[in-house]
């Protein structure tokens, strides 16, 4: 399981150090793709395979399913850790998430997310203000903390 929040930097070549606590669970090769809320999603190969099967099961007759699959898979790429524990993020993904020098890497259960620092701080601020309301909605879905 991935959890925690880490401050990192991306160099001019698009390389970023992956938090040491995440490296073993990610494995030597993993998938990075466009995520929701303008961040990047990072999946270990095992989790990616599970997600891929779920997306394949969606009906091609539904335009939303086609659109989501296109968005998700067209941005996906295989990444590997180098000897220093860094990954080289593809330019299209750096542009999508508007990543610059400072970024935030967070663990979210079965995936890792990479955020532009200011985008994350804004998202966190908005979510923090409505956290209790969000929790109440989850209880309505039979989810209890």
Protein backbone atom coordinates (compact mmCIF):
# COMPACT_ATOMS: atom_id res chain seq x y z
CA UNK A 1 0.00 0.00 0.00
CA UNK A 2 1.22 3.50 -0.85
CA UNK A 3 0.72 6.30 1.65
CA UNK A 4 2.34 9.55 2.68
CA UNK A 5 3.23 12.89 1.11
CA UNK A 6 6.72 13.79 -0.11
CA UNK A 7 8.21 16.99 -1.51
CA UNK A 8 10.48 16.45 -4.52
CA UNK A 9 12.00 18.30 -7.43
CA UNK A 10 12.16 17.62 -11.15
CA UNK A 11 15.32 18.53 -13.00
CA UNK A 12 15.53 20.15 -16.44
CA UNK A 13 15.61 16.71 -18.09
CA UNK A 14 12.31 15.64 -16.48
CA UNK A 15 13.96 13.35 -13.92
CA UNK A 16 12.50 12.98 -10.47
CA UNK A 17 13.62 10.90 -7.50
CA UNK A 18 10.93 8.43 -6.45
CA UNK A 19 10.48 8.35 -2.67
CA UNK A 20 12.48 5.47 -1.24
CA UNK A 21 9.40 4.10 0.56
CA UNK A 22 7.64 3.65 -2.80
CA UNK A 23 10.44 2.08 -4.84
CA UNK A 24 10.15 -1.52 -3.70
CA UNK A 25 6.36 -1.63 -4.09
CA UNK A 26 6.52 -0.02 -7.54
CA UNK A 27 9.11 -2.49 -8.75
CA UNK A 28 11.75 -1.79 -11.37
CA UNK A 29 9.19 -1.16 -14.14
CA UNK A 30 5.82 0.54 -13.69
CA UNK A 31 3.26 2.64 -15.55
CA UNK A 32 2.81 6.42 -15.43
CA UNK A 33 -0.26 7.98 -17.03
CA UNK A 34 -2.50 11.02 -16.98
CA UNK A 35 -4.53 11.05 -13.80
CA UNK A 36 -7.58 12.92 -12.70
CA UNK A 37 -7.45 16.42 -11.20
CA UNK A 38 -4.40 17.31 -13.34
CA UNK A 39 -1.93 14.98 -11.67
CA UNK A 40 -0.12 11.85 -12.84
CA UNK A 41 -1.06 8.35 -11.72
CA UNK A 42 1.72 5.81 -11.18
CA UNK A 43 0.81 2.10 -11.01
CA UNK A 44 2.88 -0.99 -10.25
CA UNK A 45 2.52 -3.47 -13.12
CA UNK A 46 0.23 -5.74 -11.08
CA UNK A 47 -2.21 -2.90 -10.32
CA UNK A 48 -2.03 -1.66 -13.92
CA UNK A 49 -3.05 -5.11 -15.19
CA UNK A 50 -6.09 -5.13 -12.86
CA UNK A 51 -7.11 -1.65 -14.03
CA UNK A 52 -6.53 -2.55 -17.67
CA UNK A 53 -8.90 -5.52 -17.35
CA UNK A 54 -11.58 -3.33 -15.78
CA UNK A 55 -11.30 -0.77 -18.56
CA UNK A 56 -11.39 -3.48 -21.23
CA UNK A 57 -14.69 -4.68 -19.75
CA UNK A 58 -16.35 -1.30 -20.42
CA UNK A 59 -18.73 -1.21 -23.36
CA UNK A 60 -17.28 0.30 -26.54
CA UNK A 61 -20.83 1.38 -27.37
CA UNK A 62 -20.69 4.04 -24.65
CA UNK A 63 -18.94 7.24 -25.68
CA UNK A 64 -17.82 8.01 -22.11
CA UNK A 65 -16.09 4.64 -21.86
CA UNK A 66 -14.30 5.18 -25.18
CA UNK A 67 -13.29 8.71 -24.21
CA UNK A 68 -11.94 7.68 -20.81
CA UNK A 69 -10.00 4.72 -22.24
CA UNK A 70 -8.45 6.94 -24.93
CA UNK A 71 -7.46 9.58 -22.39
CA UNK A 72 -6.05 7.06 -19.95
CA UNK A 73 -4.17 4.71 -22.28
CA UNK A 74 -2.85 7.31 -24.74
CA UNK A 75 -1.00 9.03 -21.91
CA UNK A 76 0.40 5.85 -20.41
CA UNK A 77 4.04 4.91 -20.58
CA UNK A 78 6.35 2.39 -18.99
CA UNK A 79 8.98 3.86 -16.69
CA UNK A 80 12.02 2.38 -15.02
CA UNK A 81 14.05 3.50 -12.03
CA UNK A 82 17.65 4.42 -12.75
CA UNK A 83 20.51 3.60 -10.36
CA UNK A 84 19.83 6.79 -8.37
CA UNK A 85 16.14 5.92 -7.85
CA UNK A 86 14.92 8.44 -10.44
CA UNK A 87 12.41 8.21 -13.23
CA UNK A 88 12.44 10.19 -16.43
CA UNK A 89 8.92 11.53 -16.95
CA UNK A 90 7.80 11.89 -20.58
CA UNK A 91 7.37 15.48 -21.76
CA UNK A 92 3.67 15.03 -22.60
CA UNK A 93 2.97 13.98 -19.00
CA UNK A 94 5.09 16.78 -17.53
CA UNK A 95 3.09 19.22 -19.66
CA UNK A 96 -0.27 17.66 -18.73
CA UNK A 97 0.37 17.93 -14.98
CA UNK A 98 2.15 21.29 -15.41
CA UNK A 99 5.08 19.94 -13.45
CA UNK A 100 7.91 22.32 -12.82
CA UNK A 101 10.80 22.35 -10.39
CA UNK A 102 8.78 21.59 -7.25
CA UNK A 103 6.34 18.72 -7.07
CA UNK A 104 4.54 16.61 -4.49
CA UNK A 105 4.45 12.81 -4.59
CA UNK A 106 1.67 11.16 -2.61
CA UNK A 107 0.70 7.59 -1.88
CA UNK A 108 -2.97 6.75 -2.49
CA UNK A 109 -3.50 3.10 -1.56
CA UNK A 110 -2.81 1.18 -4.81
CA UNK A 111 -1.16 4.02 -6.74
CA UNK A 112 1.20 6.96 -6.45
CA UNK A 113 0.26 10.45 -7.64
CA UNK A 114 2.63 13.17 -8.83
CA UNK A 115 1.39 16.76 -8.51
CA UNK A 116 2.60 20.23 -9.35
CA UNK A 117 3.22 21.68 -5.88
CA UNK A 118 0.91 24.68 -6.23
CA UNK A 119 -1.85 22.56 -7.83
CA UNK A 120 -1.61 20.11 -4.92
CA UNK A 121 -1.71 22.88 -2.31
CA UNK A 122 -4.81 24.39 -3.95
CA UNK A 123 -6.49 20.99 -4.22
CA UNK A 124 -5.62 20.15 -0.62
CA UNK A 125 -6.92 23.49 0.63
CA UNK A 126 -10.27 23.05 -1.17
CA UNK A 127 -10.61 19.41 -0.10
CA UNK A 128 -9.61 20.20 3.47
CA UNK A 129 -12.42 22.76 3.72
CA UNK A 130 -15.01 20.18 2.65
CA UNK A 131 -13.46 17.05 4.22
CA UNK A 132 -16.30 16.54 6.72
CA UNK A 133 -18.90 16.93 3.97
CA UNK A 134 -17.07 14.40 1.78
CA UNK A 135 -16.87 11.96 4.71
CA UNK A 136 -20.63 12.28 5.27
CA UNK A 137 -21.31 11.44 1.61
CA UNK A 138 -19.14 8.33 1.91
CA UNK A 139 -21.15 7.20 4.93
CA UNK A 140 -24.25 7.45 2.73
CA UNK A 141 -22.53 4.93 0.43
CA UNK A 142 -22.18 2.49 3.35
CA UNK A 143 -18.56 3.41 3.93
CA UNK A 144 -17.64 3.96 7.56
CA UNK A 145 -14.33 5.10 9.01
